[in-house]
Amino acid sequence: MRLFLLAFFAVLFIGCDNQSEEETVKRKRTEPTFRHDGQLWIINHLNGDTISELRIEMVQKRQDIEYGMMFRTSMEEDMGMLFFMQQERPQSFYMKNTYVSLDIIYINRDKEIVSIVEKAEPLSEKSLPSGKPALYVLEVIGGYSAKYGVKPGNKIDFVEI
């Protein structure tokens, strides 16, 4: 009987392990790929110098805005996702189903950065509000803002390619 129970649990354990492997493969297979839709520059508002340049995915449709960076497991440092919100107002994002830490940069209609949430916690459903009206939201890899000196007051410019 002991041998039977040991064999049963071994098969059960192996089956569970294979299922998690299958789920991982499935998730990687369905993980959205980055679209290089445009270029974005972050500009020092004091002297007009370019602080950094990013390849961006431009997100404009409501369902795409809601989906955002969900289910992506990586993001390169020179990559960002720019959201075009429907109206300039206080915005709020969260990190549900988002596996990488992000800096969330809120930007007004004048393309001025109004606030930054740095190193947002992956998978959190905590609301991350802009605090001020924003028309655009830029998501970059967590820690990007501190590394490049991106601050409220800086400006952005972008082009679609």
C-alpha atoms as a PDB file:
ATOM      1  CA  MET A   1       0.000   0.000   0.000  1.00  0.00           C
ATOM      2  CA  ARG A   2       2.843   2.400   0.868  1.00  0.00           C
ATOM      3  CA  LEU A   3       4.449   1.755  -2.487  1.00  0.00           C
ATOM      4  CA  PHE A   4       1.153   2.444  -4.239  1.00  0.00           C
ATOM      5  CA  LEU A   5       0.710   5.787  -2.392  1.00  0.00           C
ATOM      6  CA  LEU A   6       4.300   6.822  -3.141  1.00  0.00           C
ATOM      7  CA  ALA A   7       3.821   6.054  -6.824  1.00  0.00           C
ATOM      8  CA  PHE A   8       0.482   7.899  -6.852  1.00  0.00           C
ATOM      9  CA  PHE A   9       1.965  11.078  -5.313  1.00  0.00           C
ATOM     10  CA  ALA A  10       5.011  10.895  -7.584  1.00  0.00           C
ATOM     11  CA  VAL A  11       2.760  10.798 -10.665  1.00  0.00           C
ATOM     12  CA  LEU A  12       0.617  13.596  -9.230  1.00  0.00           C
ATOM     13  CA  PHE A  13       3.705  15.729  -8.504  1.00  0.00           C
ATOM     14  CA  ILE A  14       5.199  15.128 -11.956  1.00  0.00           C
ATOM     15  CA  GLY A  15       1.841  15.891 -13.580  1.00  0.00           C
ATOM     16  CA  CYS A  16       1.565  19.187 -11.688  1.00  0.00           C
ATOM     17  CA  ASP A  17       5.131  20.113 -12.602  1.00  0.00           C
ATOM     18  CA  ASN A  18       4.444  19.468 -16.301  1.00  0.00           C
ATOM     19  CA  GLN A  19       1.265  21.513 -16.132  1.00  0.00           C
ATOM     20  CA  SER A  20       3.115  24.551 -14.754  1.00  0.00           C
ATOM     21  CA  GLU A  21       5.729  24.124 -17.497  1.00  0.00           C
ATOM     22  CA  GLU A  22       2.936  23.978 -20.080  1.00  0.00           C
ATOM     23  CA  GLU A  23       1.350  27.116 -18.614  1.00  0.00           C
ATOM     24  CA  THR A  24       4.712  28.919 -18.787  1.00  0.00           C
ATOM     25  CA  VAL A  25       5.203  27.902 -22.425  1.00  0.00           C
ATOM     26  CA  LYS A  26       1.634  28.938 -23.245  1.00  0.00           C
ATOM     27  CA  ARG A  27       2.085  32.356 -21.587  1.00  0.00           C
ATOM     28  CA  LYS A  28       5.364  32.969 -23.421  1.00  0.00           C
ATOM     29  CA  ARG A  29       3.745  31.955 -26.677  1.00  0.00           C
ATOM     30  CA  THR A  30       0.898  34.440 -26.157  1.00  0.00           C
ATOM     31  CA  GLU A  31       2.998  37.237 -24.625  1.00  0.00           C
ATOM     32  CA  PRO A  32       2.474  40.408 -26.673  1.00  0.00           C
ATOM     33  CA  THR A  33       5.466  41.507 -28.715  1.00  0.00           C
ATOM     34  CA  PHE A  34       6.718  45.071 -28.761  1.00  0.00           C
ATOM     35  CA  ARG A  35       5.603  47.174 -31.741  1.00  0.00           C
ATOM     36  CA  HIS A  36       7.999  49.927 -32.739  1.00  0.00           C
ATOM     37  CA  ASP A  37       5.429  52.578 -33.705  1.00  0.00           C
ATOM     38  CA  GLY A  38       7.482  55.705 -33.101  1.00  0.00           C
ATOM     39  CA  GLN A  39      10.312  57.575 -31.406  1.00  0.00           C
ATOM     40  CA  LEU A  40      10.025  59.696 -28.255  1.00  0.00           C
ATOM     41  CA  TRP A  41      12.435  62.207 -26.779  1.00  0.00           C
ATOM     42  CA  ILE A  42      12.488  63.449 -23.198  1.00  0.00           C
ATOM     43  CA  ILE A  43      13.738  67.022 -23.169  1.00  0.00           C
ATOM     44  CA  ASN A  44      15.210  69.108 -20.345  1.00  0.00           C
ATOM     45  CA  HIS A  45      12.817  72.041 -19.906  1.00  0.00           C
ATOM     46  CA  LEU A  46      15.601  74.330 -18.658  1.00  0.00           C
ATOM     47  CA  ASN A  47      18.015  74.122 -21.597  1.00  0.00           C
ATOM     48  CA  GLY A  48      16.226  72.150 -24.339  1.00  0.00           C
ATOM     49  CA  ASP A  49      18.789  69.314 -24.312  1.00  0.00           C
ATOM     50  CA  THR A  50      17.608  65.780 -25.024  1.00  0.00           C
ATOM     51  CA  ILE A  51      17.749  63.708 -21.843  1.00  0.00           C
ATOM     52  CA  SER A  52      16.927  60.395 -23.512  1.00  0.00           C
ATOM     53  CA  GLU A  53      15.369  58.789 -26.574  1.00  0.00           C
ATOM     54  CA  LEU A  54      13.005  55.823 -26.642  1.00  0.00           C
ATOM     55  CA  ARG A  55      11.481  53.475 -29.175  1.00  0.00           C
ATOM     56  CA  ILE A  56       7.787  53.543 -28.370  1.00  0.00           C
ATOM     57  CA  GLU A  57       4.688  51.503 -28.868  1.00  0.00           C
ATOM     58  CA  MET A  58       1.762  53.920 -29.313  1.00  0.00           C
ATOM     59  CA  VAL A  59      -1.499  52.875 -27.670  1.00  0.00           C
ATOM     60  CA  GLN A  60      -4.693  54.705 -28.596  1.00  0.00           C
ATOM     61  CA  LYS A  61      -7.682  52.316 -28.528  1.00  0.00           C
ATOM     62  CA  ARG A  62      -9.527  52.002 -25.221  1.00  0.00           C
ATOM     63  CA  GLN A  63      -9.191  48.193 -25.004  1.00  0.00           C
ATOM     64  CA  ASP A  64      -5.453  48.441 -25.785  1.00  0.00           C
ATOM     65  CA  ILE A  65      -5.036  51.117 -23.093  1.00  0.00           C
ATOM     66  CA  GLU A  66      -6.707  48.802 -20.566  1.00  0.00           C
ATOM     67  CA  TYR A  67      -4.426  45.908 -21.614  1.00  0.00           C
ATOM     68  CA  GLY A  68      -1.210  47.965 -21.669  1.00  0.00           C
ATOM     69  CA  MET A  69       1.899  46.110 -20.478  1.00  0.00           C
ATOM     70  CA  MET A  70      -0.032  43.165 -19.022  1.00  0.00           C
ATOM     71  CA  PHE A  71       1.498  39.707 -19.450  1.00  0.00           C
ATOM     72  CA  ARG A  72       4.828  41.014 -20.723  1.00  0.00           C
ATOM     73  CA  THR A  73       7.760  39.550 -18.858  1.00  0.00           C
ATOM     74  CA  SER A  74      10.486  41.914 -20.050  1.00  0.00           C
ATOM     75  CA  MET A  75      11.124  45.392 -21.359  1.00  0.00           C
ATOM     76  CA  GLU A  76      14.314  46.826 -22.793  1.00  0.00           C
ATOM     77  CA  GLU A  77      15.709  50.057 -21.382  1.00  0.00           C
ATOM     78  CA  ASP A  78      15.286  52.014 -24.631  1.00  0.00           C
ATOM     79  CA  MET A  79      11.660  50.945 -24.998  1.00  0.00           C
ATOM     80  CA  GLY A  80       8.460  52.611 -23.810  1.00  0.00           C
ATOM     81  CA  MET A  81       4.705  52.470 -24.207  1.00  0.00           C
ATOM     82  CA  LEU A  82       2.921  55.795 -24.837  1.00  0.00           C
ATOM     83  CA  PHE A  83      -0.801  55.906 -24.056  1.00  0.00           C
ATOM     84  CA  PHE A  84      -3.049  58.512 -25.677  1.00  0.00           C
ATOM     85  CA  MET A  85      -5.846  59.085 -23.169  1.00  0.00           C
ATOM     86  CA  GLN A  86      -9.249  60.252 -24.398  1.00  0.00           C
ATOM     87  CA  GLN A  87      -9.240  63.446 -22.376  1.00  0.00           C
ATOM     88  CA  GLU A  88      -6.895  65.435 -20.195  1.00  0.00           C
ATOM     89  CA  ARG A  89      -7.892  64.747 -16.606  1.00  0.00           C
ATOM     90  CA  PRO A  90      -6.386  63.092 -13.543  1.00  0.00           C
ATOM     91  CA  GLN A  91      -5.424  59.569 -14.613  1.00  0.00           C
ATOM     92  CA  SER A  92      -4.698  56.427 -12.637  1.00  0.00           C
ATOM     93  CA  PHE A  93      -2.967  53.195 -13.649  1.00  0.00           C
ATOM     94  CA  TYR A  94      -2.261  49.970 -11.781  1.00  0.00           C
ATOM     95  CA  MET A  95       0.004  46.967 -12.296  1.00  0.00           C
ATOM     96  CA  LYS A  96      -2.471  44.059 -12.465  1.00  0.00           C
ATOM     97  CA  ASN A  97      -0.964  41.209 -14.523  1.00  0.00           C
ATOM     98  CA  THR A  98       2.138  43.324 -15.202  1.00  0.00           C
ATOM     99  CA  TYR A  99       5.279  41.309 -14.479  1.00  0.00           C
ATOM    100  CA  VAL A 100       7.961  44.009 -14.747  1.00  0.00           C
ATOM    101  CA  SER A 101       8.471  47.054 -12.546  1.00  0.00           C
ATOM    102  CA  LEU A 102       7.648  50.267 -14.394  1.00  0.00           C
ATOM    103  CA  ASP A 103       8.040  54.004 -14.061  1.00  0.00           C
ATOM    104  CA  ILE A 104       4.692  55.560 -14.981  1.00  0.00           C
ATOM    105  CA  ILE A 105       5.137  59.081 -16.338  1.00  0.00           C
ATOM    106  CA  TYR A 106       2.050  61.305 -16.576  1.00  0.00           C
ATOM    107  CA  ILE A 107       2.151  64.074 -19.208  1.00  0.00           C
ATOM    108  CA  ASN A 108      -0.230  66.968 -19.915  1.00  0.00           C
ATOM    109  CA  ARG A 109      -1.538  68.309 -23.249  1.00  0.00           C
ATOM    110  CA  ASP A 110       1.481  70.647 -23.494  1.00  0.00           C
ATOM    111  CA  LYS A 111       3.689  67.524 -23.441  1.00  0.00           C
ATOM    112  CA  GLU A 112       5.030  68.477 -20.015  1.00  0.00           C
ATOM    113  CA  ILE A 113       5.667  65.777 -17.430  1.00  0.00           C
ATOM    114  CA  VAL A 114       3.348  66.478 -14.489  1.00  0.00           C
ATOM    115  CA  SER A 115       4.168  63.504 -12.239  1.00  0.00           C
ATOM    116  CA  ILE A 116       6.084  60.229 -12.097  1.00  0.00           C
ATOM    117  CA  VAL A 117       5.379  57.004 -10.224  1.00  0.00           C
ATOM    118  CA  GLU A 118       8.781  55.335  -9.907  1.00  0.00           C
ATOM    119  CA  LYS A 119       9.354  51.575  -9.713  1.00  0.00           C
ATOM    120  CA  ALA A 120       5.694  50.566  -9.579  1.00  0.00           C
ATOM    121  CA  GLU A 121       5.324  47.174  -7.914  1.00  0.00           C
ATOM    122  CA  PRO A 122       4.625  44.327 -10.360  1.00  0.00           C
ATOM    123  CA  LEU A 123       1.243  42.573 -10.083  1.00  0.00           C
ATOM    124  CA  SER A 124      -0.148  45.154  -7.646  1.00  0.00           C
ATOM    125  CA  GLU A 125      -3.719  46.392  -7.966  1.00  0.00           C
ATOM    126  CA  LYS A 126      -2.914  49.525  -5.963  1.00  0.00           C
ATOM    127  CA  SER A 127      -4.085  52.688  -7.737  1.00  0.00           C
ATOM    128  CA  LEU A 128      -1.217  54.878  -8.995  1.00  0.00           C
ATOM    129  CA  PRO A 129      -2.784  58.312  -9.634  1.00  0.00           C
ATOM    130  CA  SER A 130      -1.298  61.165 -11.633  1.00  0.00           C
ATOM    131  CA  GLY A 131      -2.260  63.803  -9.070  1.00  0.00           C
ATOM    132  CA  LYS A 132      -2.658  66.329 -11.908  1.00  0.00           C
ATOM    133  CA  PRO A 133      -4.469  66.270 -15.257  1.00  0.00           C
ATOM    134  CA  ALA A 134      -2.683  64.228 -17.928  1.00  0.00           C
ATOM    135  CA  LEU A 135      -3.416  63.496 -21.583  1.00  0.00           C
ATOM    136  CA  TYR A 136      -0.543  61.062 -22.165  1.00  0.00           C
ATOM    137  CA  VAL A 137       0.966  58.320 -20.027  1.00  0.00           C
ATOM    138  CA  LEU A 138       4.418  56.894 -20.722  1.00  0.00           C
ATOM    139  CA  GLU A 139       5.508  53.573 -19.236  1.00  0.00           C
ATOM    140  CA  VAL A 140       9.217  52.765 -19.119  1.00  0.00           C
ATOM    141  CA  ILE A 141      11.258  50.168 -17.248  1.00  0.00           C
ATOM    142  CA  GLY A 142      11.369  50.733 -13.480  1.00  0.00           C
ATOM    143  CA  GLY A 143      14.262  52.972 -12.420  1.00  0.00           C
ATOM    144  CA  TYR A 144      14.539  54.691 -15.813  1.00  0.00           C
ATOM    145  CA  SER A 145      13.495  58.119 -14.495  1.00  0.00           C
ATOM    146  CA  ALA A 146      16.089  58.150 -11.724  1.00  0.00           C
ATOM    147  CA  LYS A 147      18.842  56.844 -14.007  1.00  0.00           C
ATOM    148  CA  TYR A 148      18.306  59.511 -16.690  1.00  0.00           C
ATOM    149  CA  GLY A 149      17.173  62.391 -14.458  1.00  0.00           C
ATOM    150  CA  VAL A 150      13.615  62.495 -15.819  1.00  0.00           C
ATOM    151  CA  LYS A 151      11.573  64.894 -13.665  1.00  0.00           C
ATOM    152  CA  PRO A 152       8.279  66.769 -13.623  1.00  0.00           C
ATOM    153  CA  GLY A 153       8.650  69.893 -15.754  1.00  0.00           C
ATOM    154  CA  ASN A 154      10.635  68.071 -18.440  1.00  0.00           C
ATOM    155  CA  LYS A 155       8.945  67.874 -21.839  1.00  0.00           C
ATOM    156  CA  ILE A 156       8.452  65.118 -24.382  1.00  0.00           C
ATOM    157  CA  ASP A 157       8.206  65.080 -28.140  1.00  0.00           C
ATOM    158  CA  PHE A 158       7.381  62.105 -30.329  1.00  0.00           C
ATOM    159  CA  VAL A 159       6.870  61.050 -33.926  1.00  0.00           C
ATOM    160  CA  GLU A 160       5.065  58.095 -35.405  1.00  0.00           C
ATOM    161  CA  ILE A 161       7.124  56.022 -37.864  1.00  0.00           C
END
